[in-house]
Amino acid sequence: MQYDKFQIPDADQILPGRPQPMDITGVHFVNGNSIKEPFPEGMEVAIFGMGCFWGAERIFWETDGVFATAVGYSDGATENPNYDEVCSGRTGHAEVVKVVFDPKVISYAELLKLFWDMHDPTQGMRQGNDIGSQYRSCVFCTSDEQKKEAEASKAGIQAALDEKQRGQVTTEISMAQPFYYAEEYHQQYMAKNKEAICPILRNPMHD
């Protein structure tokens, strides 16, 4: 049976998953910091989905003030999914980047600006040639303050797009659901695979 990858699956289509979490080293390949809790005191966490998580993660780990990054799956119904299951469209998850940052060095607002600038938030269940619900644009907030800031930021982006008649922002903004770490080979993929290509599309309002 074929499933519509442009739709979040119904309950009777959801894959069951498993109770065991993904077995990963928990060490950031680039900077050696831990990508798993507990994080150093004062660190905060942001979660963004902006298409393929390989290139998106690189943008954030190269940013000053970011302690660690990790890629994974969030906002779905399958427990501890693997990549093949997420790609099937039957888990409901989005590919996301977990960003651990020091708010004394970089603000959440600055991370949001990177998020909006480095992808097209008007494409719905896709990002460029990557098609399916796993590639949807999303911001998953870890506090009420983040949610308010993200919603205000989205309104500002929409206003800018409206001025240029560039369509509607489809980005989902909601409180964070469980984050499941992706397989080890996906973590910091662009550093491990120098020849890899994962283009990040720019927001059309900058065209």
N, C-alpha and C. Protein backbone atom coordinates (compact mmCIF):
# COMPACT_ATOMS: atom_id res chain seq x y z
N MET A 1 0.84 -1.21 0.00
CA MET A 1 0.00 0.00 0.00
C MET A 1 0.87 1.25 0.00
N GLN A 2 0.53 2.23 -0.79
CA GLN A 2 1.26 3.47 -0.86
C GLN A 2 0.67 4.49 0.11
N TYR A 3 1.54 5.24 0.76
CA TYR A 3 1.10 6.26 1.70
C TYR A 3 1.45 7.64 1.14
N ASP A 4 0.59 8.58 1.39
CA ASP A 4 0.77 9.94 0.90
C ASP A 4 1.78 10.65 1.78
N LYS A 5 2.98 10.86 1.26
CA LYS A 5 4.05 11.48 2.05
C LYS A 5 3.84 12.97 2.25
N PHE A 6 2.79 13.53 1.62
CA PHE A 6 2.48 14.93 1.83
C PHE A 6 1.48 15.12 2.97
N GLN A 7 1.11 14.03 3.62
CA GLN A 7 0.15 14.08 4.72
C GLN A 7 0.75 13.42 5.96
N ILE A 8 0.37 13.92 7.13
CA ILE A 8 0.72 13.22 8.36
C ILE A 8 -0.15 11.96 8.42
N PRO A 9 0.43 10.79 8.68
CA PRO A 9 -0.36 9.55 8.62
C PRO A 9 -1.42 9.46 9.70
N ASP A 10 -2.49 8.75 9.37
CA ASP A 10 -3.53 8.48 10.35
C ASP A 10 -3.02 7.47 11.39
N ALA A 11 -3.75 7.37 12.49
CA ALA A 11 -3.32 6.50 13.59
C ALA A 11 -3.14 5.05 13.15
N ASP A 12 -4.00 4.58 12.25
CA ASP A 12 -3.92 3.18 11.83
C ASP A 12 -2.80 2.94 10.81
N GLN A 13 -2.12 4.00 10.39
CA GLN A 13 -1.00 3.87 9.47
C GLN A 13 0.36 4.00 10.16
N ILE A 14 0.36 4.39 11.41
CA ILE A 14 1.60 4.66 12.14
C ILE A 14 2.36 3.37 12.41
N LEU A 15 3.66 3.40 12.15
CA LEU A 15 4.51 2.26 12.47
C LEU A 15 4.73 2.17 13.97
N PRO A 16 4.91 0.96 14.51
CA PRO A 16 4.94 0.80 15.97
C PRO A 16 6.22 1.27 16.65
N GLY A 17 7.35 1.22 15.97
CA GLY A 17 8.59 1.64 16.61
C GLY A 17 9.09 0.61 17.59
N ARG A 18 9.80 1.08 18.63
CA ARG A 18 10.46 0.18 19.58
C ARG A 18 10.79 0.95 20.86
N PRO A 19 10.94 0.29 21.99
CA PRO A 19 11.25 1.00 23.23
C PRO A 19 12.71 1.40 23.36
N GLN A 20 13.61 0.76 22.58
CA GLN A 20 15.03 1.04 22.72
C GLN A 20 15.43 2.29 21.95
N PRO A 21 16.10 3.24 22.60
CA PRO A 21 16.58 4.43 21.89
C PRO A 21 17.72 4.08 20.95
N MET A 22 18.00 4.96 20.02
CA MET A 22 19.09 4.76 19.07
C MET A 22 20.42 4.70 19.81
N ASP A 23 21.26 3.76 19.44
CA ASP A 23 22.58 3.61 20.05
C ASP A 23 23.57 4.51 19.34
N ILE A 24 23.96 5.60 19.98
CA ILE A 24 24.93 6.53 19.40
C ILE A 24 26.00 6.86 20.43
N THR A 25 27.11 7.41 19.96
CA THR A 25 28.21 7.72 20.88
C THR A 25 27.86 8.88 21.81
N GLY A 26 27.06 9.82 21.32
CA GLY A 26 26.73 11.00 22.11
C GLY A 26 27.79 12.07 22.09
N VAL A 27 28.81 11.91 21.24
CA VAL A 27 29.91 12.87 21.15
C VAL A 27 29.86 13.58 19.79
N HIS A 28 29.93 14.91 19.82
CA HIS A 28 29.90 15.69 18.59
C HIS A 28 31.18 15.45 17.80
N PHE A 29 31.04 15.03 16.55
CA PHE A 29 32.19 14.67 15.73
C PHE A 29 33.11 15.85 15.47
N VAL A 30 32.57 17.07 15.45
CA VAL A 30 33.37 18.24 15.10
C VAL A 30 34.05 18.85 16.32
N ASN A 31 33.31 19.07 17.41
CA ASN A 31 33.90 19.78 18.54
C ASN A 31 34.10 18.93 19.79
N GLY A 32 33.67 17.69 19.77
CA GLY A 32 33.89 16.80 20.90
C GLY A 32 32.97 16.99 22.08
N ASN A 33 32.03 17.94 22.00
CA ASN A 33 31.11 18.17 23.11
C ASN A 33 30.01 17.09 23.12
N SER A 34 29.36 16.97 24.25
CA SER A 34 28.27 16.01 24.37
C SER A 34 27.04 16.52 23.62
N ILE A 35 26.39 15.62 22.88
CA ILE A 35 25.14 15.98 22.22
C ILE A 35 23.94 15.44 22.99
N LYS A 36 24.19 14.88 24.15
CA LYS A 36 23.12 14.36 25.01
C LYS A 36 23.14 15.06 26.36
N GLU A 37 21.95 15.14 26.99
CA GLU A 37 21.89 15.69 28.32
C GLU A 37 22.67 14.79 29.28
N PRO A 38 23.18 15.41 30.39
CA PRO A 38 23.02 16.82 30.77
C PRO A 38 24.03 17.71 30.07
N PHE A 39 23.60 18.94 29.79
CA PHE A 39 24.46 19.93 29.18
C PHE A 39 24.98 20.87 30.26
N PRO A 40 26.05 21.61 29.97
CA PRO A 40 26.58 22.53 30.97
C PRO A 40 25.54 23.54 31.45
N GLU A 41 25.70 23.97 32.66
CA GLU A 41 24.77 24.93 33.25
C GLU A 41 24.68 26.19 32.40
N GLY A 42 23.47 26.67 32.23
CA GLY A 42 23.24 27.89 31.47
C GLY A 42 22.93 27.68 30.01
N MET A 43 23.14 26.46 29.51
CA MET A 43 22.82 26.18 28.11
C MET A 43 21.31 26.07 27.90
N GLU A 44 20.86 26.45 26.72
CA GLU A 44 19.45 26.29 26.34
C GLU A 44 19.38 25.44 25.07
N VAL A 45 18.19 24.94 24.78
CA VAL A 45 18.00 24.05 23.63
C VAL A 45 16.94 24.63 22.70
N ALA A 46 17.23 24.62 21.42
CA ALA A 46 16.28 25.01 20.38
C ALA A 46 16.19 23.86 19.38
N ILE A 47 15.03 23.69 18.75
CA ILE A 47 14.84 22.61 17.79
C ILE A 47 14.21 23.18 16.52
N PHE A 48 14.88 22.93 15.38
CA PHE A 48 14.43 23.46 14.11
C PHE A 48 14.37 22.37 13.04
N GLY A 49 13.33 22.43 12.21
CA GLY A 49 13.24 21.58 11.03
C GLY A 49 13.18 22.46 9.79
N MET A 50 14.09 22.23 8.85
CA MET A 50 14.20 23.10 7.68
C MET A 50 14.64 22.30 6.46
N GLY A 51 14.05 21.12 6.29
CA GLY A 51 14.43 20.26 5.19
C GLY A 51 15.43 19.22 5.63
N CYS A 52 16.30 18.79 4.72
CA CYS A 52 17.31 17.79 5.03
C CYS A 52 18.14 18.24 6.23
N PHE A 53 18.25 17.39 7.23
CA PHE A 53 18.93 17.83 8.45
C PHE A 53 20.45 17.85 8.35
N TRP A 54 21.03 17.28 7.29
CA TRP A 54 22.49 17.29 7.18
C TRP A 54 23.04 18.71 7.06
N GLY A 55 22.59 19.43 6.04
CA GLY A 55 23.10 20.78 5.83
C GLY A 55 22.63 21.75 6.90
N ALA A 56 21.40 21.54 7.38
CA ALA A 56 20.88 22.42 8.42
C ALA A 56 21.73 22.33 9.68
N GLU A 57 22.16 21.12 10.04
CA GLU A 57 22.98 20.98 11.24
C GLU A 57 24.31 21.73 11.09
N ARG A 58 24.91 21.64 9.91
CA ARG A 58 26.19 22.31 9.71
C ARG A 58 26.09 23.81 9.93
N ILE A 59 25.00 24.41 9.46
CA ILE A 59 24.82 25.85 9.65
C ILE A 59 24.91 26.21 11.13
N PHE A 60 24.30 25.40 11.97
CA PHE A 60 24.26 25.73 13.40
C PHE A 60 25.56 25.39 14.12
N TRP A 61 26.21 24.28 13.78
CA TRP A 61 27.45 23.98 14.53
C TRP A 61 28.56 24.95 14.17
N GLU A 62 28.45 25.62 13.01
CA GLU A 62 29.45 26.62 12.62
C GLU A 62 29.17 27.99 13.21
N THR A 63 28.11 28.11 14.01
CA THR A 63 27.70 29.40 14.56
C THR A 63 28.27 29.60 15.96
N ASP A 64 28.88 30.77 16.19
CA ASP A 64 29.42 31.10 17.50
C ASP A 64 28.32 31.05 18.56
N GLY A 65 28.64 30.47 19.70
CA GLY A 65 27.68 30.39 20.79
C GLY A 65 26.93 29.07 20.84
N VAL A 66 27.08 28.25 19.81
CA VAL A 66 26.44 26.94 19.79
C VAL A 66 27.39 25.92 20.41
N PHE A 67 26.95 25.27 21.47
CA PHE A 67 27.76 24.30 22.19
C PHE A 67 27.79 22.95 21.47
N ALA A 68 26.64 22.52 20.98
CA ALA A 68 26.54 21.23 20.30
C ALA A 68 25.30 21.21 19.43
N THR A 69 25.32 20.31 18.46
CA THR A 69 24.15 20.08 17.63
C THR A 69 23.94 18.57 17.49
N ALA A 70 22.71 18.18 17.21
CA ALA A 70 22.41 16.79 16.92
C ALA A 70 21.23 16.75 15.97
N VAL A 71 21.20 15.72 15.13
CA VAL A 71 20.06 15.55 14.24
C VAL A 71 19.18 14.42 14.74
N GLY A 72 17.89 14.55 14.45
CA GLY A 72 16.97 13.53 14.90
C GLY A 72 15.59 13.73 14.32
N TYR A 73 14.65 13.10 14.97
CA TYR A 73 13.27 13.06 14.50
C TYR A 73 12.35 13.53 15.61
N SER A 74 11.39 14.39 15.27
CA SER A 74 10.47 14.90 16.28
C SER A 74 9.10 15.16 15.68
N ASP A 75 8.12 15.30 16.58
CA ASP A 75 6.75 15.65 16.22
C ASP A 75 6.03 14.52 15.47
N GLY A 76 6.40 13.28 15.77
CA GLY A 76 5.73 12.14 15.18
C GLY A 76 5.16 11.23 16.25
N ALA A 77 4.62 10.09 15.82
CA ALA A 77 3.94 9.18 16.74
C ALA A 77 4.70 7.88 16.99
N THR A 78 5.64 7.53 16.13
CA THR A 78 6.39 6.29 16.28
C THR A 78 7.49 6.46 17.31
N GLU A 79 7.60 5.53 18.24
CA GLU A 79 8.62 5.62 19.28
C GLU A 79 9.96 5.14 18.74
N ASN A 80 11.00 5.95 18.95
CA ASN A 80 12.36 5.61 18.52
C ASN A 80 12.42 5.12 17.07
N PRO A 81 11.97 5.94 16.13
CA PRO A 81 11.97 5.52 14.73
C PRO A 81 13.39 5.48 14.16
N ASN A 82 13.57 4.74 13.08
CA ASN A 82 14.83 4.82 12.35
C ASN A 82 14.61 5.59 11.06
N TYR A 83 15.69 5.82 10.34
CA TYR A 83 15.62 6.69 9.16
C TYR A 83 14.70 6.13 8.08
N ASP A 84 14.79 4.83 7.84
CA ASP A 84 13.95 4.22 6.82
C ASP A 84 12.47 4.39 7.16
N GLU A 85 12.14 4.24 8.44
CA GLU A 85 10.75 4.39 8.86
C GLU A 85 10.27 5.82 8.67
N VAL A 86 11.11 6.78 9.03
CA VAL A 86 10.74 8.19 8.84
C VAL A 86 10.55 8.49 7.36
N CYS A 87 11.44 7.95 6.51
CA CYS A 87 11.34 8.19 5.07
C CYS A 87 10.09 7.57 4.47
N SER A 88 9.53 6.57 5.12
CA SER A 88 8.33 5.92 4.60
C SER A 88 7.10 6.82 4.68
N GLY A 89 7.18 7.86 5.50
CA GLY A 89 6.03 8.72 5.70
C GLY A 89 5.04 8.19 6.72
N ARG A 90 5.40 7.11 7.41
CA ARG A 90 4.45 6.46 8.31
C ARG A 90 4.80 6.64 9.79
N THR A 91 5.59 7.63 10.11
CA THR A 91 5.88 7.92 11.52
C THR A 91 5.37 9.29 11.93
N GLY A 92 5.21 10.20 10.95
CA GLY A 92 4.76 11.56 11.24
C GLY A 92 5.86 12.52 11.67
N HIS A 93 7.09 12.04 11.73
CA HIS A 93 8.18 12.88 12.22
C HIS A 93 8.71 13.83 11.16
N ALA A 94 9.31 14.90 11.64
CA ALA A 94 10.09 15.81 10.81
C ALA A 94 11.57 15.59 11.11
N GLU A 95 12.41 15.76 10.10
CA GLU A 95 13.85 15.79 10.34
C GLU A 95 14.19 17.12 10.99
N VAL A 96 14.85 17.07 12.14
CA VAL A 96 15.12 18.29 12.89
C VAL A 96 16.56 18.33 13.39
N VAL A 97 16.98 19.54 13.76
CA VAL A 97 18.28 19.76 14.39
C VAL A 97 18.05 20.27 15.81
N LYS A 98 18.68 19.61 16.75
CA LYS A 98 18.67 20.04 18.15
C LYS A 98 19.90 20.91 18.36
N VAL A 99 19.68 22.15 18.76
CA VAL A 99 20.75 23.13 18.90
C VAL A 99 20.91 23.48 20.38
N VAL A 100 22.07 23.16 20.93
CA VAL A 100 22.37 23.50 22.33
C VAL A 100 23.23 24.77 22.29
N PHE A 101 22.73 25.84 22.88
CA PHE A 101 23.40 27.13 22.72
C PHE A 101 23.53 27.88 24.04
N ASP A 102 24.50 28.78 24.05
CA ASP A 102 24.74 29.63 25.22
C ASP A 102 24.06 30.98 24.96
N PRO A 103 22.96 31.28 25.66
CA PRO A 103 22.23 32.52 25.39
C PRO A 103 23.02 33.78 25.74
N LYS A 104 24.13 33.62 26.46
CA LYS A 104 24.97 34.79 26.75
C LYS A 104 25.83 35.15 25.54
N VAL A 105 25.94 34.23 24.59
CA VAL A 105 26.76 34.46 23.39
C VAL A 105 25.89 34.68 22.16
N ILE A 106 24.85 33.88 22.02
CA ILE A 106 23.94 34.00 20.88
C ILE A 106 22.50 33.89 21.38
N SER A 107 21.65 34.76 20.91
CA SER A 107 20.27 34.77 21.38
C SER A 107 19.40 33.83 20.55
N TYR A 108 18.26 33.48 21.11
CA TYR A 108 17.29 32.68 20.37
C TYR A 108 16.82 33.43 19.12
N ALA A 109 16.69 34.75 19.23
CA ALA A 109 16.29 35.56 18.08
C ALA A 109 17.30 35.43 16.94
N GLU A 110 18.58 35.38 17.27
CA GLU A 110 19.61 35.23 16.23
C GLU A 110 19.54 33.84 15.58
N LEU A 111 19.23 32.82 16.38
CA LEU A 111 19.05 31.48 15.82
C LEU A 111 17.83 31.44 14.90
N LEU A 112 16.76 32.12 15.30
CA LEU A 112 15.57 32.19 14.45
C LEU A 112 15.90 32.86 13.12
N LYS A 113 16.72 33.91 13.15
CA LYS A 113 17.09 34.59 11.91
C LYS A 113 17.83 33.63 10.97
N LEU A 114 18.73 32.83 11.52
CA LEU A 114 19.42 31.83 10.71
C LEU A 114 18.41 30.86 10.09
N PHE A 115 17.48 30.41 10.92
CA PHE A 115 16.46 29.48 10.47
C PHE A 115 15.68 30.04 9.28
N TRP A 116 15.17 31.26 9.40
CA TRP A 116 14.39 31.84 8.32
C TRP A 116 15.24 32.11 7.08
N ASP A 117 16.47 32.58 7.29
CA ASP A 117 17.32 32.98 6.17
C ASP A 117 17.77 31.80 5.32
N MET A 118 17.91 30.63 5.93
CA MET A 118 18.60 29.53 5.25
C MET A 118 17.68 28.46 4.68
N HIS A 119 16.39 28.73 4.59
CA HIS A 119 15.50 27.81 3.88
C HIS A 119 14.27 28.57 3.41
N ASP A 120 13.44 27.91 2.62
CA ASP A 120 12.22 28.51 2.11
C ASP A 120 11.05 28.01 2.97
N PRO A 121 10.44 28.89 3.78
CA PRO A 121 9.40 28.44 4.71
C PRO A 121 8.00 28.41 4.11
N THR A 122 7.90 28.46 2.79
CA THR A 122 6.59 28.53 2.15
C THR A 122 6.23 27.26 1.37
N GLN A 123 7.01 26.20 1.52
CA GLN A 123 6.87 25.06 0.61
C GLN A 123 6.02 23.91 1.16
N GLY A 124 5.50 24.02 2.34
CA GLY A 124 4.66 22.95 2.86
C GLY A 124 5.45 21.71 3.18
N MET A 125 4.99 20.55 2.69
CA MET A 125 5.61 19.27 3.02
C MET A 125 6.76 18.94 2.07
N ARG A 126 7.69 19.88 1.97
CA ARG A 126 8.86 19.66 1.11
C ARG A 126 9.87 20.75 1.38
N GLN A 127 11.05 20.57 0.84
CA GLN A 127 12.05 21.62 0.80
C GLN A 127 12.88 21.38 -0.45
N GLY A 128 12.61 22.18 -1.47
CA GLY A 128 13.28 21.98 -2.75
C GLY A 128 12.90 20.63 -3.35
N ASN A 129 13.93 19.84 -3.71
CA ASN A 129 13.69 18.53 -4.30
C ASN A 129 13.41 17.45 -3.27
N ASP A 130 13.55 17.77 -1.99
CA ASP A 130 13.24 16.82 -0.93
C ASP A 130 11.74 16.90 -0.63
N ILE A 131 11.05 15.81 -0.92
CA ILE A 131 9.59 15.81 -0.87
C ILE A 131 9.08 14.88 0.23
N GLY A 132 8.14 15.37 1.02
CA GLY A 132 7.51 14.55 2.04
C GLY A 132 7.39 15.29 3.36
N SER A 133 6.55 14.76 4.23
CA SER A 133 6.27 15.43 5.50
C SER A 133 7.50 15.55 6.39
N GLN A 134 8.49 14.69 6.22
CA GLN A 134 9.69 14.76 7.06
C GLN A 134 10.50 16.02 6.79
N TYR A 135 10.25 16.67 5.64
CA TYR A 135 11.02 17.85 5.26
C TYR A 135 10.27 19.16 5.53
N ARG A 136 9.19 19.09 6.28
CA ARG A 136 8.41 20.30 6.54
C ARG A 136 9.20 21.28 7.42
N SER A 137 8.86 22.54 7.26
CA SER A 137 9.47 23.61 8.05
C SER A 137 8.80 23.68 9.40
N CYS A 138 9.61 23.68 10.47
CA CYS A 138 9.01 23.68 11.81
C CYS A 138 9.97 24.24 12.86
N VAL A 139 9.37 24.81 13.88
CA VAL A 139 10.10 25.29 15.06
C VAL A 139 9.43 24.64 16.26
N PHE A 140 10.18 23.84 16.99
CA PHE A 140 9.65 23.18 18.18
C PHE A 140 10.29 23.82 19.41
N CYS A 141 9.45 24.42 20.22
CA CYS A 141 9.91 25.31 21.29
C CYS A 141 10.04 24.57 22.62
N THR A 142 11.07 24.93 23.36
CA THR A 142 11.33 24.29 24.65
C THR A 142 10.89 25.15 25.83
N SER A 143 10.26 26.27 25.56
CA SER A 143 9.71 27.12 26.62
C SER A 143 8.61 28.00 26.04
N ASP A 144 7.76 28.51 26.91
CA ASP A 144 6.72 29.43 26.45
C ASP A 144 7.33 30.68 25.85
N GLU A 145 8.46 31.12 26.40
CA GLU A 145 9.11 32.32 25.88
C GLU A 145 9.59 32.10 24.44
N GLN A 146 10.16 30.93 24.18
CA GLN A 146 10.58 30.61 22.82
C GLN A 146 9.39 30.62 21.87
N LYS A 147 8.28 30.07 22.31
CA LYS A 147 7.11 29.99 21.44
C LYS A 147 6.60 31.38 21.08
N LYS A 148 6.54 32.27 22.07
CA LYS A 148 6.09 33.64 21.79
C LYS A 148 7.04 34.33 20.82
N GLU A 149 8.33 34.13 21.03
CA GLU A 149 9.32 34.78 20.18
C GLU A 149 9.26 34.21 18.76
N ALA A 150 9.08 32.91 18.64
CA ALA A 150 9.01 32.28 17.32
C ALA A 150 7.77 32.74 16.56
N GLU A 151 6.64 32.83 17.25
CA GLU A 151 5.40 33.27 16.59
C GLU A 151 5.51 34.71 16.12
N ALA A 152 6.11 35.56 16.94
CA ALA A 152 6.30 36.96 16.53
C ALA A 152 7.25 37.05 15.34
N SER A 153 8.29 36.22 15.36
CA SER A 153 9.24 36.19 14.26
C SER A 153 8.56 35.72 12.97
N LYS A 154 7.72 34.71 13.08
CA LYS A 154 6.99 34.21 11.91
C LYS A 154 6.08 35.29 11.34
N ALA A 155 5.42 36.04 12.20
CA ALA A 155 4.55 37.12 11.74
C ALA A 155 5.35 38.17 10.97
N GLY A 156 6.55 38.44 11.45
CA GLY A 156 7.39 39.40 10.75
C GLY A 156 7.83 38.92 9.39
N ILE A 157 8.16 37.64 9.29
CA ILE A 157 8.53 37.05 8.00
C ILE A 157 7.34 37.10 7.04
N GLN A 158 6.15 36.76 7.55
CA GLN A 158 4.97 36.79 6.70
C GLN A 158 4.69 38.19 6.17
N ALA A 159 4.85 39.18 7.03
CA ALA A 159 4.63 40.56 6.60
C ALA A 159 5.60 40.95 5.49
N ALA A 160 6.86 40.51 5.63
CA ALA A 160 7.85 40.82 4.61
C ALA A 160 7.52 40.12 3.29
N LEU A 161 7.05 38.87 3.38
CA LEU A 161 6.66 38.15 2.17
C LEU A 161 5.42 38.77 1.52
N ASP A 162 4.49 39.23 2.35
CA ASP A 162 3.28 39.86 1.83
C ASP A 162 3.61 41.09 1.00
N GLU A 163 4.61 41.83 1.45
CA GLU A 163 5.00 43.04 0.72
C GLU A 163 5.47 42.70 -0.69
N LYS A 164 6.04 41.52 -0.85
CA LYS A 164 6.56 41.11 -2.15
C LYS A 164 5.64 40.11 -2.84
N GLN A 165 4.47 39.86 -2.22
CA GLN A 165 3.50 38.91 -2.78
C GLN A 165 4.16 37.56 -3.05
N ARG A 166 4.78 37.02 -1.99
CA ARG A 166 5.57 35.81 -2.13
C ARG A 166 4.96 34.59 -1.43
N GLY A 167 3.70 34.57 -1.13
CA GLY A 167 3.08 33.36 -0.59
C GLY A 167 2.99 33.31 0.91
N GLN A 168 2.48 32.18 1.40
CA GLN A 168 2.21 32.01 2.82
C GLN A 168 3.26 31.13 3.50
N VAL A 169 3.67 31.55 4.68
CA VAL A 169 4.58 30.75 5.49
C VAL A 169 3.83 29.52 5.99
N THR A 170 4.39 28.35 5.76
CA THR A 170 3.76 27.10 6.20
C THR A 170 4.43 26.53 7.45
N THR A 171 5.39 27.23 7.98
CA THR A 171 6.16 26.75 9.13
C THR A 171 5.26 26.45 10.33
N GLU A 172 5.41 25.26 10.88
CA GLU A 172 4.70 24.86 12.10
C GLU A 172 5.48 25.35 13.32
N ILE A 173 4.79 25.97 14.25
CA ILE A 173 5.40 26.38 15.52
C ILE A 173 4.60 25.76 16.64
N SER A 174 5.25 24.95 17.46
CA SER A 174 4.56 24.28 18.56
C SER A 174 5.56 23.93 19.65
N MET A 175 5.03 23.50 20.79
CA MET A 175 5.91 23.07 21.87
C MET A 175 6.57 21.74 21.49
N ALA A 176 7.81 21.58 21.91
CA ALA A 176 8.59 20.41 21.53
C ALA A 176 7.99 19.12 22.08
N GLN A 177 7.92 18.14 21.22
CA GLN A 177 7.56 16.77 21.57
C GLN A 177 8.86 15.97 21.71
N PRO A 178 8.77 14.69 22.08
CA PRO A 178 10.01 13.90 22.23
C PRO A 178 10.91 14.00 21.00
N PHE A 179 12.21 14.16 21.27
CA PHE A 179 13.24 14.20 20.23
C PHE A 179 13.95 12.86 20.25
N TYR A 180 13.97 12.20 19.09
CA TYR A 180 14.65 10.92 18.97
C TYR A 180 15.91 11.11 18.13
N TYR A 181 17.06 10.76 18.69
CA TYR A 181 18.32 10.92 17.97
C TYR A 181 18.34 10.03 16.73
N ALA A 182 18.85 10.60 15.64
CA ALA A 182 19.04 9.83 14.42
C ALA A 182 20.28 8.93 14.56
N GLU A 183 20.44 8.04 13.62
CA GLU A 183 21.56 7.11 13.62
C GLU A 183 22.89 7.85 13.65
N GLU A 184 23.92 7.16 14.18
CA GLU A 184 25.25 7.76 14.33
C GLU A 184 25.76 8.33 13.01
N TYR A 185 25.55 7.64 11.91
CA TYR A 185 26.12 8.11 10.65
C TYR A 185 25.48 9.41 10.18
N HIS A 186 24.29 9.74 10.67
CA HIS A 186 23.66 11.01 10.32
C HIS A 186 24.23 12.17 11.13
N GLN A 187 24.73 11.89 12.33
CA GLN A 187 25.22 12.97 13.19
C GLN A 187 26.45 13.64 12.56
N GLN A 188 26.37 14.96 12.39
CA GLN A 188 27.45 15.75 11.80
C GLN A 188 27.89 15.16 10.45
N TYR A 189 26.90 14.75 9.67
CA TYR A 189 27.13 14.05 8.41
C TYR A 189 28.02 14.85 7.46
N MET A 190 27.82 16.15 7.41
CA MET A 190 28.57 16.96 6.44
C MET A 190 30.04 17.07 6.79
N ALA A 191 30.39 16.84 8.06
CA ALA A 191 31.80 16.82 8.45
C ALA A 191 32.43 15.46 8.17
N LYS A 192 31.65 14.42 8.28
CA LYS A 192 32.15 13.06 8.04
C LYS A 192 32.24 12.74 6.56
N ASN A 193 31.45 13.43 5.75
CA ASN A 193 31.38 13.16 4.31
C ASN A 193 31.60 14.46 3.55
N LYS A 194 32.84 14.77 3.32
CA LYS A 194 33.20 16.07 2.75
C LYS A 194 32.61 16.29 1.36
N GLU A 195 32.35 15.18 0.63
CA GLU A 195 31.84 15.32 -0.72
C GLU A 195 30.32 15.43 -0.77
N ALA A 196 29.68 15.32 0.39
CA ALA A 196 28.21 15.32 0.43
C ALA A 196 27.65 16.66 -0.03
N ILE A 197 26.51 16.61 -0.70
CA ILE A 197 25.82 17.81 -1.17
C ILE A 197 24.46 17.88 -0.50
N CYS A 198 24.21 18.96 0.19
CA CYS A 198 22.91 19.15 0.83
C CYS A 198 22.58 20.63 0.76
N PRO A 199 22.10 21.10 -0.40
CA PRO A 199 21.88 22.53 -0.57
C PRO A 199 20.81 23.06 0.37
N ILE A 200 21.08 24.21 0.92
CA ILE A 200 20.11 24.91 1.75
C ILE A 200 19.50 26.03 0.91
N LEU A 201 18.20 25.99 0.78
CA LEU A 201 17.51 27.00 -0.03
C LEU A 201 17.30 28.27 0.77
N ARG A 202 17.48 29.38 0.12
CA ARG A 202 17.29 30.65 0.81
C ARG A 202 15.84 31.07 0.75
N ASN A 203 15.44 31.79 1.77
CA ASN A 203 14.10 32.37 1.85
C ASN A 203 13.84 33.24 0.61
N PRO A 204 12.71 33.04 -0.08
CA PRO A 204 12.46 33.79 -1.31
C PRO A 204 12.35 35.29 -1.12
N MET A 205 12.14 35.76 0.09
CA MET A 205 12.03 37.21 0.25
C MET A 205 13.38 37.89 0.05
N HIS A 206 14.48 37.09 0.03
CA HIS A 206 15.79 37.68 -0.20
C HIS A 206 16.17 37.71 -1.67
N ASP A 207 15.32 37.13 -2.53
CA ASP A 207 15.64 37.10 -3.96
C ASP A 207 15.62 38.50 -4.55
